[in-house]
Amino acid sequence: MTADDSYGRLDDDDYPAYTMGRAAEMLGTTPAFLRALGEHRLITPLRSEGGHRRYSRYQLRIAARTRELVDQGTPIEAACRIIVLEDQLEEAQRINAEHRRATETAHPSAVA
């Protein structure tokens, strides 16, 4: 891998760039909170060669949203479920929009 290749990872939301300690520090939480998210299967960090948890920016955004809910008094189990449901809703809306665009393109006169 060249230096140019590794710089491309800086823009990759899924690249596991953050250690557990750094991730917890960035979120203002504890490593135990991040472990709990893993136990509830909300996020699954990748592991370094040494077995240490590594988090991506995408996973940190999910953890931050979960922390907001927990800070508002939502139990962690419920917060994790809410995040999953929000993600499923977003995906369903994206698919519906794609189908709508495809229908409009294929049958422009059918759109009211």
PDB file of N, CA and C in Angstrom:
ATOM      1  N   MET A   1       0.849  -1.184   0.000  1.00  0.00           N
ATOM      2  CA  MET A   1       0.000   0.000   0.000  1.00  0.00           C
ATOM      3  C   MET A   1       0.884   1.233   0.000  1.00  0.00           C
ATOM      4  N   THR A   2       0.522   2.154  -0.826  1.00  0.00           N
ATOM      5  CA  THR A   2       1.291   3.394  -0.901  1.00  0.00           C
ATOM      6  C   THR A   2       0.709   4.410   0.062  1.00  0.00           C
ATOM      7  N   ALA A   3       1.441   5.475   0.257  1.00  0.00           N
ATOM      8  CA  ALA A   3       0.949   6.542   1.138  1.00  0.00           C
ATOM      9  C   ALA A   3      -0.343   7.119   0.595  1.00  0.00           C
ATOM     10  N   ASP A   4      -0.450   7.229  -0.751  1.00  0.00           N
ATOM     11  CA  ASP A   4      -1.675   7.765  -1.343  1.00  0.00           C
ATOM     12  C   ASP A   4      -2.866   6.879  -1.031  1.00  0.00           C
ATOM     13  N   ASP A   5      -2.672   5.545  -1.028  1.00  0.00           N
ATOM     14  CA  ASP A   5      -3.756   4.618  -0.714  1.00  0.00           C
ATOM     15  C   ASP A   5      -4.225   4.795   0.729  1.00  0.00           C
ATOM     16  N   SER A   6      -3.293   4.934   1.658  1.00  0.00           N
ATOM     17  CA  SER A   6      -3.679   5.054   3.059  1.00  0.00           C
ATOM     18  C   SER A   6      -4.374   6.381   3.328  1.00  0.00           C
ATOM     19  N   TYR A   7      -4.041   7.449   2.598  1.00  0.00           N
ATOM     20  CA  TYR A   7      -4.736   8.722   2.789  1.00  0.00           C
ATOM     21  C   TYR A   7      -6.184   8.621   2.342  1.00  0.00           C
ATOM     22  N   GLY A   8      -6.480   7.768   1.380  1.00  0.00           N
ATOM     23  CA  GLY A   8      -7.854   7.570   0.931  1.00  0.00           C
ATOM     24  C   GLY A   8      -8.749   7.061   2.036  1.00  0.00           C
ATOM     25  N   ARG A   9      -8.175   6.351   2.992  1.00  0.00           N
ATOM     26  CA  ARG A   9      -8.960   5.825   4.114  1.00  0.00           C
ATOM     27  C   ARG A   9      -9.441   6.924   5.054  1.00  0.00           C
ATOM     28  N   LEU A  10      -8.825   8.085   4.991  1.00  0.00           N
ATOM     29  CA  LEU A  10      -9.252   9.174   5.870  1.00  0.00           C
ATOM     30  C   LEU A  10     -10.693   9.585   5.584  1.00  0.00           C
ATOM     31  N   ASP A  11     -11.145   9.374   4.372  1.00  0.00           N
ATOM     32  CA  ASP A  11     -12.517   9.718   3.995  1.00  0.00           C
ATOM     33  C   ASP A  11     -13.471   8.542   4.125  1.00  0.00           C
ATOM     34  N   ASP A  12     -12.982   7.377   4.513  1.00  0.00           N
ATOM     35  CA  ASP A  12     -13.785   6.159   4.588  1.00  0.00           C
ATOM     36  C   ASP A  12     -14.485   6.095   5.946  1.00  0.00           C
ATOM     37  N   ASP A  13     -15.810   6.257   5.948  1.00  0.00           N
ATOM     38  CA  ASP A  13     -16.576   6.216   7.194  1.00  0.00           C
ATOM     39  C   ASP A  13     -16.533   4.859   7.879  1.00  0.00           C
ATOM     40  N   ASP A  14     -16.200   3.820   7.134  1.00  0.00           N
ATOM     41  CA  ASP A  14     -16.201   2.471   7.691  1.00  0.00           C
ATOM     42  C   ASP A  14     -14.816   1.991   8.129  1.00  0.00           C
ATOM     43  N   TYR A  15     -13.800   2.805   7.927  1.00  0.00           N
ATOM     44  CA  TYR A  15     -12.447   2.412   8.317  1.00  0.00           C
ATOM     45  C   TYR A  15     -12.315   2.484   9.841  1.00  0.00           C
ATOM     46  N   PRO A  16     -11.915   1.397  10.486  1.00  0.00           N
ATOM     47  CA  PRO A  16     -11.821   1.362  11.958  1.00  0.00           C
ATOM     48  C   PRO A  16     -10.578   2.084  12.473  1.00  0.00           C
ATOM     49  N   ALA A  17     -10.656   3.373  12.546  1.00  0.00           N
ATOM     50  CA  ALA A  17      -9.492   4.200  12.860  1.00  0.00           C
ATOM     51  C   ALA A  17      -9.336   4.523  14.345  1.00  0.00           C
ATOM     52  N   TYR A  18     -10.361   4.305  15.154  1.00  0.00           N
ATOM     53  CA  TYR A  18     -10.339   4.793  16.523  1.00  0.00           C
ATOM     54  C   TYR A  18     -10.283   3.663  17.538  1.00  0.00           C
ATOM     55  N   THR A  19      -9.376   3.770  18.469  1.00  0.00           N
ATOM     56  CA  THR A  19      -9.299   2.807  19.563  1.00  0.00           C
ATOM     57  C   THR A  19     -10.483   3.022  20.497  1.00  0.00           C
ATOM     58  N   MET A  20     -10.717   2.058  21.353  1.00  0.00           N
ATOM     59  CA  MET A  20     -11.814   2.195  22.301  1.00  0.00           C
ATOM     60  C   MET A  20     -11.629   3.418  23.190  1.00  0.00           C
ATOM     61  N   GLY A  21     -10.416   3.612  23.689  1.00  0.00           N
ATOM     62  CA  GLY A  21     -10.167   4.762  24.563  1.00  0.00           C
ATOM     63  C   GLY A  21     -10.407   6.081  23.852  1.00  0.00           C
ATOM     64  N   ARG A  22      -9.920   6.187  22.637  1.00  0.00           N
ATOM     65  CA  ARG A  22     -10.110   7.427  21.861  1.00  0.00           C
ATOM     66  C   ARG A  22     -11.579   7.625  21.531  1.00  0.00           C
ATOM     67  N   ALA A  23     -12.266   6.546  21.139  1.00  0.00           N
ATOM     68  CA  ALA A  23     -13.692   6.639  20.813  1.00  0.00           C
ATOM     69  C   ALA A  23     -14.488   7.097  22.032  1.00  0.00           C
ATOM     70  N   ALA A  24     -14.219   6.519  23.192  1.00  0.00           N
ATOM     71  CA  ALA A  24     -14.922   6.903  24.419  1.00  0.00           C
ATOM     72  C   ALA A  24     -14.644   8.369  24.757  1.00  0.00           C
ATOM     73  N   GLU A  25     -13.403   8.786  24.591  1.00  0.00           N
ATOM     74  CA  GLU A  25     -13.038  10.173  24.857  1.00  0.00           C
ATOM     75  C   GLU A  25     -13.786  11.121  23.924  1.00  0.00           C
ATOM     76  N   MET A  26     -13.836  10.782  22.643  1.00  0.00           N
ATOM     77  CA  MET A  26     -14.520  11.631  21.664  1.00  0.00           C
ATOM     78  C   MET A  26     -16.005  11.746  21.965  1.00  0.00           C
ATOM     79  N   LEU A  27     -16.600  10.661  22.456  1.00  0.00           N
ATOM     80  CA  LEU A  27     -18.037  10.646  22.745  1.00  0.00           C
ATOM     81  C   LEU A  27     -18.364  11.166  24.140  1.00  0.00           C
ATOM     82  N   GLY A  28     -17.345  11.333  24.967  1.00  0.00           N
ATOM     83  CA  GLY A  28     -17.582  11.764  26.341  1.00  0.00           C
ATOM     84  C   GLY A  28     -18.262  10.690  27.151  1.00  0.00           C
ATOM     85  N   THR A  29     -17.881   9.452  26.906  1.00  0.00           N
ATOM     86  CA  THR A  29     -18.484   8.327  27.604  1.00  0.00           C
ATOM     87  C   THR A  29     -17.386   7.407  28.114  1.00  0.00           C
ATOM     88  N   THR A  30     -17.746   6.223  28.525  1.00  0.00           N
ATOM     89  CA  THR A  30     -16.771   5.267  29.046  1.00  0.00           C
ATOM     90  C   THR A  30     -16.609   4.094  28.079  1.00  0.00           C
ATOM     91  N   PRO A  31     -15.494   3.390  28.179  1.00  0.00           N
ATOM     92  CA  PRO A  31     -15.349   2.169  27.386  1.00  0.00           C
ATOM     93  C   PRO A  31     -16.457   1.155  27.690  1.00  0.00           C
ATOM     94  N   ALA A  32     -16.934   1.149  28.920  1.00  0.00           N
ATOM     95  CA  ALA A  32     -18.020   0.220  29.287  1.00  0.00           C
ATOM     96  C   ALA A  32     -19.277   0.494  28.459  1.00  0.00           C
ATOM     97  N   PHE A  33     -19.555   1.764  28.174  1.00  0.00           N
ATOM     98  CA  PHE A  33     -20.708   2.100  27.343  1.00  0.00           C
ATOM     99  C   PHE A  33     -20.540   1.515  25.946  1.00  0.00           C
ATOM    100  N   LEU A  34     -19.341   1.650  25.389  1.00  0.00           N
ATOM    101  CA  LEU A  34     -19.086   1.097  24.053  1.00  0.00           C
ATOM    102  C   LEU A  34     -19.180  -0.429  24.068  1.00  0.00           C
ATOM    103  N   ARG A  35     -18.673  -1.046  25.125  1.00  0.00           N
ATOM    104  CA  ARG A  35     -18.800  -2.511  25.231  1.00  0.00           C
ATOM    105  C   ARG A  35     -20.270  -2.913  25.305  1.00  0.00           C
ATOM    106  N   ALA A  36     -21.080  -2.131  26.024  1.00  0.00           N
ATOM    107  CA  ALA A  36     -22.515  -2.434  26.142  1.00  0.00           C
ATOM    108  C   ALA A  36     -23.199  -2.367  24.779  1.00  0.00           C
ATOM    109  N   LEU A  37     -22.801  -1.413  23.941  1.00  0.00           N
ATOM    110  CA  LEU A  37     -23.381  -1.333  22.598  1.00  0.00           C
ATOM    111  C   LEU A  37     -23.036  -2.574  21.789  1.00  0.00           C
ATOM    112  N   GLY A  38     -21.840  -3.091  22.003  1.00  0.00           N
ATOM    113  CA  GLY A  38     -21.451  -4.336  21.349  1.00  0.00           C
ATOM    114  C   GLY A  38     -22.243  -5.516  21.886  1.00  0.00           C
ATOM    115  N   GLU A  39     -22.460  -5.550  23.192  1.00  0.00           N
ATOM    116  CA  GLU A  39     -23.246  -6.632  23.794  1.00  0.00           C
ATOM    117  C   GLU A  39     -24.684  -6.634  23.289  1.00  0.00           C
ATOM    118  N   HIS A  40     -25.213  -5.448  23.003  1.00  0.00           N
ATOM    119  CA  HIS A  40     -26.574  -5.335  22.477  1.00  0.00           C
ATOM    120  C   HIS A  40     -26.596  -5.443  20.951  1.00  0.00           C
ATOM    121  N   ARG A  41     -25.439  -5.708  20.384  1.00  0.00           N
ATOM    122  CA  ARG A  41     -25.266  -5.925  18.943  1.00  0.00           C
ATOM    123  C   ARG A  41     -25.678  -4.729  18.093  1.00  0.00           C
ATOM    124  N   LEU A  42     -25.532  -3.555  18.657  1.00  0.00           N
ATOM    125  CA  LEU A  42     -25.812  -2.350  17.883  1.00  0.00           C
ATOM    126  C   LEU A  42     -24.624  -2.032  16.982  1.00  0.00           C
ATOM    127  N   ILE A  43     -23.435  -2.107  17.541  1.00  0.00           N
ATOM    128  CA  ILE A  43     -22.225  -1.938  16.743  1.00  0.00           C
ATOM    129  C   ILE A  43     -21.275  -3.083  17.077  1.00  0.00           C
ATOM    130  N   THR A  44     -20.545  -3.509  16.071  1.00  0.00           N
ATOM    131  CA  THR A  44     -19.542  -4.557  16.254  1.00  0.00           C
ATOM    132  C   THR A  44     -18.206  -3.998  15.793  1.00  0.00           C
ATOM    133  N   PRO A  45     -17.369  -3.603  16.742  1.00  0.00           N
ATOM    134  CA  PRO A  45     -16.083  -3.048  16.336  1.00  0.00           C
ATOM    135  C   PRO A  45     -15.198  -4.123  15.719  1.00  0.00           C
ATOM    136  N   LEU A  46     -14.358  -3.686  14.827  1.00  0.00           N
ATOM    137  CA  LEU A  46     -13.358  -4.606  14.292  1.00  0.00           C
ATOM    138  C   LEU A  46     -12.266  -4.745  15.337  1.00  0.00           C
ATOM    139  N   ARG A  47     -11.442  -5.744  15.166  1.00  0.00           N
ATOM    140  CA  ARG A  47     -10.355  -5.974  16.115  1.00  0.00           C
ATOM    141  C   ARG A  47      -9.005  -5.777  15.431  1.00  0.00           C
ATOM    142  N   SER A  48      -8.096  -5.169  16.148  1.00  0.00           N
ATOM    143  CA  SER A  48      -6.733  -5.015  15.641  1.00  0.00           C
ATOM    144  C   SER A  48      -6.051  -6.376  15.711  1.00  0.00           C
ATOM    145  N   GLU A  49      -4.865  -6.471  15.157  1.00  0.00           N
ATOM    146  CA  GLU A  49      -4.119  -7.728  15.214  1.00  0.00           C
ATOM    147  C   GLU A  49      -3.894  -8.162  16.657  1.00  0.00           C
ATOM    148  N   GLY A  50      -3.795  -7.209  17.562  1.00  0.00           N
ATOM    149  CA  GLY A  50      -3.611  -7.509  18.982  1.00  0.00           C
ATOM    150  C   GLY A  50      -4.909  -7.785  19.718  1.00  0.00           C
ATOM    151  N   GLY A  51      -6.051  -7.731  19.007  1.00  0.00           N
ATOM    152  CA  GLY A  51      -7.344  -8.023  19.616  1.00  0.00           C
ATOM    153  C   GLY A  51      -8.062  -6.831  20.216  1.00  0.00           C
ATOM    154  N   HIS A  52      -7.524  -5.641  20.025  1.00  0.00           N
ATOM    155  CA  HIS A  52      -8.156  -4.444  20.581  1.00  0.00           C
ATOM    156  C   HIS A  52      -9.291  -3.960  19.677  1.00  0.00           C
ATOM    157  N   ARG A  53     -10.353  -3.461  20.310  1.00  0.00           N
ATOM    158  CA  ARG A  53     -11.488  -2.945  19.552  1.00  0.00           C
ATOM    159  C   ARG A  53     -11.099  -1.674  18.803  1.00  0.00           C
ATOM    160  N   ARG A  54     -11.583  -1.572  17.566  1.00  0.00           N
ATOM    161  CA  ARG A  54     -11.353  -0.400  16.729  1.00  0.00           C
ATOM    162  C   ARG A  54     -12.686   0.030  16.137  1.00  0.00           C
ATOM    163  N   TYR A  55     -12.979   1.331  16.199  1.00  0.00           N
ATOM    164  CA  TYR A  55     -14.267   1.861  15.771  1.00  0.00           C
ATOM    165  C   TYR A  55     -14.121   2.773  14.559  1.00  0.00           C
ATOM    166  N   SER A  56     -15.133   2.756  13.718  1.00  0.00           N
ATOM    167  CA  SER A  56     -15.167   3.639  12.551  1.00  0.00           C
ATOM    168  C   SER A  56     -15.959   4.902  12.888  1.00  0.00           C
ATOM    169  N   ARG A  57     -15.861   5.890  12.010  1.00  0.00           N
ATOM    170  CA  ARG A  57     -16.651   7.118  12.204  1.00  0.00           C
ATOM    171  C   ARG A  57     -18.141   6.813  12.164  1.00  0.00           C
ATOM    172  N   TYR A  58     -18.546   5.913  11.279  1.00  0.00           N
ATOM    173  CA  TYR A  58     -19.960   5.525  11.200  1.00  0.00           C
ATOM    174  C   TYR A  58     -20.417   4.945  12.543  1.00  0.00           C
ATOM    175  N   GLN A  59     -19.619   4.059  13.123  1.00  0.00           N
ATOM    176  CA  GLN A  59     -19.973   3.467  14.410  1.00  0.00           C
ATOM    177  C   GLN A  59     -20.007   4.517  15.518  1.00  0.00           C
ATOM    178  N   LEU A  60     -19.120   5.489  15.435  1.00  0.00           N
ATOM    179  CA  LEU A  60     -19.123   6.551  16.444  1.00  0.00           C
ATOM    180  C   LEU A  60     -20.378   7.406  16.344  1.00  0.00           C
ATOM    181  N   ARG A  61     -20.870   7.628  15.131  1.00  0.00           N
ATOM    182  CA  ARG A  61     -22.125   8.391  14.976  1.00  0.00           C
ATOM    183  C   ARG A  61     -23.288   7.616  15.596  1.00  0.00           C
ATOM    184  N   ILE A  62     -23.313   6.314  15.393  1.00  0.00           N
ATOM    185  CA  ILE A  62     -24.366   5.482  15.992  1.00  0.00           C
ATOM    186  C   ILE A  62     -24.256   5.533  17.517  1.00  0.00           C
ATOM    187  N   ALA A  63     -23.047   5.401  18.025  1.00  0.00           N
ATOM    188  CA  ALA A  63     -22.841   5.447  19.471  1.00  0.00           C
ATOM    189  C   ALA A  63     -23.244   6.807  20.046  1.00  0.00           C
ATOM    190  N   ALA A  64     -22.939   7.883  19.322  1.00  0.00           N
ATOM    191  CA  ALA A  64     -23.300   9.226  19.787  1.00  0.00           C
ATOM    192  C   ALA A  64     -24.814   9.381  19.846  1.00  0.00           C
ATOM    193  N   ARG A  65     -25.501   8.888  18.837  1.00  0.00           N
ATOM    194  CA  ARG A  65     -26.977   8.969  18.827  1.00  0.00           C
ATOM    195  C   ARG A  65     -27.549   8.156  19.984  1.00  0.00           C
ATOM    196  N   THR A  66     -26.975   6.989  20.228  1.00  0.00           N
ATOM    197  CA  THR A  66     -27.437   6.150  21.331  1.00  0.00           C
ATOM    198  C   THR A  66     -27.203   6.860  22.661  1.00  0.00           C
ATOM    199  N   ARG A  67     -26.060   7.483  22.792  1.00  0.00           N
ATOM    200  CA  ARG A  67     -25.752   8.199  24.037  1.00  0.00           C
ATOM    201  C   ARG A  67     -26.742   9.335  24.269  1.00  0.00           C
ATOM    202  N   GLU A  68     -27.144  10.024  23.197  1.00  0.00           N
ATOM    203  CA  GLU A  68     -28.147  11.088  23.342  1.00  0.00           C
ATOM    204  C   GLU A  68     -29.422  10.526  23.949  1.00  0.00           C
ATOM    205  N   LEU A  69     -29.872   9.379  23.428  1.00  0.00           N
ATOM    206  CA  LEU A  69     -31.101   8.766  23.940  1.00  0.00           C
ATOM    207  C   LEU A  69     -30.950   8.329  25.390  1.00  0.00           C
ATOM    208  N   VAL A  70     -29.814   7.730  25.710  1.00  0.00           N
ATOM    209  CA  VAL A  70     -29.568   7.277  27.083  1.00  0.00           C
ATOM    210  C   VAL A  70     -29.498   8.480  28.028  1.00  0.00           C
ATOM    211  N   ASP A  71     -28.853   9.547  27.581  1.00  0.00           N
ATOM    212  CA  ASP A  71     -28.768  10.759  28.407  1.00  0.00           C
ATOM    213  C   ASP A  71     -30.143  11.374  28.655  1.00  0.00           C
ATOM    214  N   GLN A  72     -31.098  11.115  27.753  1.00  0.00           N
ATOM    215  CA  GLN A  72     -32.469  11.626  27.915  1.00  0.00           C
ATOM    216  C   GLN A  72     -33.312  10.695  28.788  1.00  0.00           C
ATOM    217  N   GLY A  73     -32.703   9.605  29.272  1.00  0.00           N
ATOM    218  CA  GLY A  73     -33.406   8.707  30.181  1.00  0.00           C
ATOM    219  C   GLY A  73     -33.897   7.410  29.551  1.00  0.00           C
ATOM    220  N   THR A  74     -33.590   7.184  28.300  1.00  0.00           N
ATOM    221  CA  THR A  74     -34.006   5.951  27.637  1.00  0.00           C
ATOM    222  C   THR A  74     -33.075   4.821  28.067  1.00  0.00           C
ATOM    223  N   PRO A  75     -33.625   3.685  28.497  1.00  0.00           N
ATOM    224  CA  PRO A  75     -32.762   2.546  28.833  1.00  0.00           C
ATOM    225  C   PRO A  75     -31.932   2.125  27.615  1.00  0.00           C
ATOM    226  N   ILE A  76     -30.730   1.650  27.850  1.00  0.00           N
ATOM    227  CA  ILE A  76     -29.828   1.341  26.748  1.00  0.00           C
ATOM    228  C   ILE A  76     -30.426   0.308  25.787  1.00  0.00           C
ATOM    229  N   GLU A  77     -31.148  -0.675  26.311  1.00  0.00           N
ATOM    230  CA  GLU A  77     -31.760  -1.683  25.440  1.00  0.00           C
ATOM    231  C   GLU A  77     -32.756  -1.032  24.487  1.00  0.00           C
ATOM    232  N   ALA A  78     -33.562  -0.124  25.011  1.00  0.00           N
ATOM    233  CA  ALA A  78     -34.555   0.572  24.190  1.00  0.00           C
ATOM    234  C   ALA A  78     -33.869   1.521  23.209  1.00  0.00           C
ATOM    235  N   ALA A  79     -32.828   2.189  23.659  1.00  0.00           N
ATOM    236  CA  ALA A  79     -32.097   3.106  22.778  1.00  0.00           C
ATOM    237  C   ALA A  79     -31.511   2.349  21.587  1.00  0.00           C
ATOM    238  N   CYS A  80     -30.948   1.178  21.850  1.00  0.00           N
ATOM    239  CA  CYS A  80     -30.386   0.368  20.765  1.00  0.00           C
ATOM    240  C   CYS A  80     -31.474  -0.035  19.778  1.00  0.00           C
ATOM    241  N   ARG A  81     -32.619  -0.417  20.284  1.00  0.00           N
ATOM    242  CA  ARG A  81     -33.732  -0.812  19.402  1.00  0.00           C
ATOM    243  C   ARG A  81     -34.221   0.380  18.587  1.00  0.00           C
ATOM    244  N   ILE A  82     -34.309   1.543  19.197  1.00  0.00           N
ATOM    245  CA  ILE A  82     -34.726   2.756  18.482  1.00  0.00           C
ATOM    246  C   ILE A  82     -33.770   3.044  17.330  1.00  0.00           C
ATOM    247  N   ILE A  83     -32.473   2.936  17.592  1.00  0.00           N
ATOM    248  CA  ILE A  83     -31.476   3.207  16.558  1.00  0.00           C
ATOM    249  C   ILE A  83     -31.645   2.227  15.398  1.00  0.00           C
ATOM    250  N   VAL A  84     -31.854   0.951  15.704  1.00  0.00           N
ATOM    251  CA  VAL A  84     -32.059  -0.057  14.652  1.00  0.00           C
ATOM    252  C   VAL A  84     -33.296   0.291  13.836  1.00  0.00           C
ATOM    253  N   LEU A  85     -34.384   0.648  14.511  1.00  0.00           N
ATOM    254  CA  LEU A  85     -35.620   0.984  13.803  1.00  0.00           C
ATOM    255  C   LEU A  85     -35.466   2.246  12.962  1.00  0.00           C
ATOM    256  N   GLU A  86     -34.752   3.248  13.476  1.00  0.00           N
ATOM    257  CA  GLU A  86     -34.499   4.454  12.690  1.00  0.00           C
ATOM    258  C   GLU A  86     -33.713   4.116  11.426  1.00  0.00           C
ATOM    259  N   ASP A  87     -32.731   3.236  11.563  1.00  0.00           N
ATOM    260  CA  ASP A  87     -31.919   2.829  10.422  1.00  0.00           C
ATOM    261  C   ASP A  87     -32.765   2.076   9.397  1.00  0.00           C
ATOM    262  N   GLN A  88     -33.626   1.189   9.863  1.00  0.00           N
ATOM    263  CA  GLN A  88     -34.507   0.446   8.953  1.00  0.00           C
ATOM    264  C   GLN A  88     -35.474   1.381   8.237  1.00  0.00           C
ATOM    265  N   LEU A  89     -36.012   2.357   8.945  1.00  0.00           N
ATOM    266  CA  LEU A  89     -36.917   3.321   8.332  1.00  0.00           C
ATOM    267  C   LEU A  89     -36.195   4.133   7.264  1.00  0.00           C
ATOM    268  N   GLU A  90     -34.995   4.586   7.571  1.00  0.00           N
ATOM    269  CA  GLU A  90     -34.220   5.352   6.597  1.00  0.00           C
ATOM    270  C   GLU A  90     -33.955   4.524   5.336  1.00  0.00           C
ATOM    271  N   GLU A  91     -33.616   3.261   5.511  1.00  0.00           N
ATOM    272  CA  GLU A  91     -33.360   2.381   4.364  1.00  0.00           C
ATOM    273  C   GLU A  91     -34.642   2.166   3.547  1.00  0.00           C
ATOM    274  N   ALA A  92     -35.770   1.960   4.219  1.00  0.00           N
ATOM    275  CA  ALA A  92     -37.042   1.771   3.518  1.00  0.00           C
ATOM    276  C   ALA A  92     -37.417   3.029   2.733  1.00  0.00           C
ATOM    277  N   GLN A  93     -37.187   4.191   3.310  1.00  0.00           N
ATOM    278  CA  GLN A  93     -37.489   5.439   2.612  1.00  0.00           C
ATOM    279  C   GLN A  93     -36.585   5.618   1.391  1.00  0.00           C
ATOM    280  N   ARG A  94     -35.321   5.215   1.521  1.00  0.00           N
ATOM    281  CA  ARG A  94     -34.398   5.295   0.393  1.00  0.00           C
ATOM    282  C   ARG A  94     -34.849   4.369  -0.738  1.00  0.00           C
ATOM    283  N   ILE A  95     -35.246   3.156  -0.400  1.00  0.00           N
ATOM    284  CA  ILE A  95     -35.712   2.192  -1.406  1.00  0.00           C
ATOM    285  C   ILE A  95     -36.984   2.697  -2.078  1.00  0.00           C
ATOM    286  N   ASN A  96     -37.910   3.232  -1.292  1.00  0.00           N
ATOM    287  CA  ASN A  96     -39.148   3.770  -1.860  1.00  0.00           C
ATOM    288  C   ASN A  96     -38.862   4.918  -2.824  1.00  0.00           C
ATOM    289  N   ALA A  97     -37.927   5.783  -2.463  1.00  0.00           N
ATOM    290  CA  ALA A  97     -37.574   6.895  -3.344  1.00  0.00           C
ATOM    291  C   ALA A  97     -36.963   6.379  -4.648  1.00  0.00           C
ATOM    292  N   GLU A  98     -36.132   5.353  -4.557  1.00  0.00           N
ATOM    293  CA  GLU A  98     -35.551   4.758  -5.772  1.00  0.00           C
ATOM    294  C   GLU A  98     -36.640   4.170  -6.665  1.00  0.00           C
ATOM    295  N   HIS A  99     -37.590   3.451  -6.062  1.00  0.00           N
ATOM    296  CA  HIS A  99     -38.694   2.868  -6.835  1.00  0.00           C
ATOM    297  C   HIS A  99     -39.548   3.961  -7.471  1.00  0.00           C
ATOM    298  N   ARG A 100     -39.783   5.028  -6.730  1.00  0.00           N
ATOM    299  CA  ARG A 100     -40.570   6.143  -7.241  1.00  0.00           C
ATOM    300  C   ARG A 100     -39.875   6.769  -8.452  1.00  0.00           C
ATOM    301  N   ARG A 101     -38.565   6.996  -8.343  1.00  0.00           N
ATOM    302  CA  ARG A 101     -37.811   7.564  -9.462  1.00  0.00           C
ATOM    303  C   ARG A 101     -37.820   6.631 -10.663  1.00  0.00           C
ATOM    304  N   ALA A 102     -37.664   5.331 -10.421  1.00  0.00           N
ATOM    305  CA  ALA A 102     -37.668   4.358 -11.517  1.00  0.00           C
ATOM    306  C   ALA A 102     -39.025   4.329 -12.201  1.00  0.00           C
ATOM    307  N   THR A 103     -40.095   4.409 -11.433  1.00  0.00           N
ATOM    308  CA  THR A 103     -41.447   4.413 -11.998  1.00  0.00           C
ATOM    309  C   THR A 103     -41.686   5.680 -12.804  1.00  0.00           C
ATOM    310  N   GLU A 104     -41.243   6.812 -12.274  1.00  0.00           N
ATOM    311  CA  GLU A 104     -41.411   8.080 -12.993  1.00  0.00           C
ATOM    312  C   GLU A 104     -40.635   8.069 -14.298  1.00  0.00           C
ATOM    313  N   THR A 105     -39.474   7.465 -14.305  1.00  0.00           N
ATOM    314  CA  THR A 105     -38.658   7.400 -15.517  1.00  0.00           C
ATOM    315  C   THR A 105     -39.271   6.447 -16.536  1.00  0.00           C
ATOM    316  N   ALA A 106     -39.765   5.297 -16.064  1.00  0.00           N
ATOM    317  CA  ALA A 106     -40.318   4.283 -16.976  1.00  0.00           C
ATOM    318  C   ALA A 106     -41.703   4.678 -17.484  1.00  0.00           C
ATOM    319  N   HIS A 107     -42.482   5.339 -16.642  1.00  0.00           N
ATOM    320  CA  HIS A 107     -43.867   5.691 -16.999  1.00  0.00           C
ATOM    321  C   HIS A 107     -44.157   7.148 -16.616  1.00  0.00           C
ATOM    322  N   PRO A 108     -43.605   8.102 -17.323  1.00  0.00           N
ATOM    323  CA  PRO A 108     -43.770   9.507 -16.940  1.00  0.00           C
ATOM    324  C   PRO A 108     -45.227   9.965 -16.917  1.00  0.00           C
ATOM    325  N   SER A 109     -46.069   9.413 -17.757  1.00  0.00           N
ATOM    326  CA  SER A 109     -47.478   9.839 -17.787  1.00  0.00           C
ATOM    327  C   SER A 109     -48.289   9.241 -16.646  1.00  0.00           C
ATOM    328  N   ALA A 110     -47.774   8.193 -15.982  1.00  0.00           N
ATOM    329  CA  ALA A 110     -48.497   7.533 -14.881  1.00  0.00           C
ATOM    330  C   ALA A 110     -48.380   8.297 -13.578  1.00  0.00           C
ATOM    331  N   VAL A 111     -47.466   9.239 -13.499  1.00  0.00           N
ATOM    332  CA  VAL A 111     -47.253   9.996 -12.265  1.00  0.00           C
ATOM    333  C   VAL A 111     -48.290  11.105 -12.210  1.00  0.00           C
ATOM    334  N   ALA A 112     -48.995  11.159 -11.100  1.00  0.00           N
ATOM    335  CA  ALA A 112     -50.071  12.161 -10.960  1.00  0.00           C
ATOM    336  C   ALA A 112     -49.526  13.487 -10.532  1.00  0.00           C
TER     337      ALA A 112
END
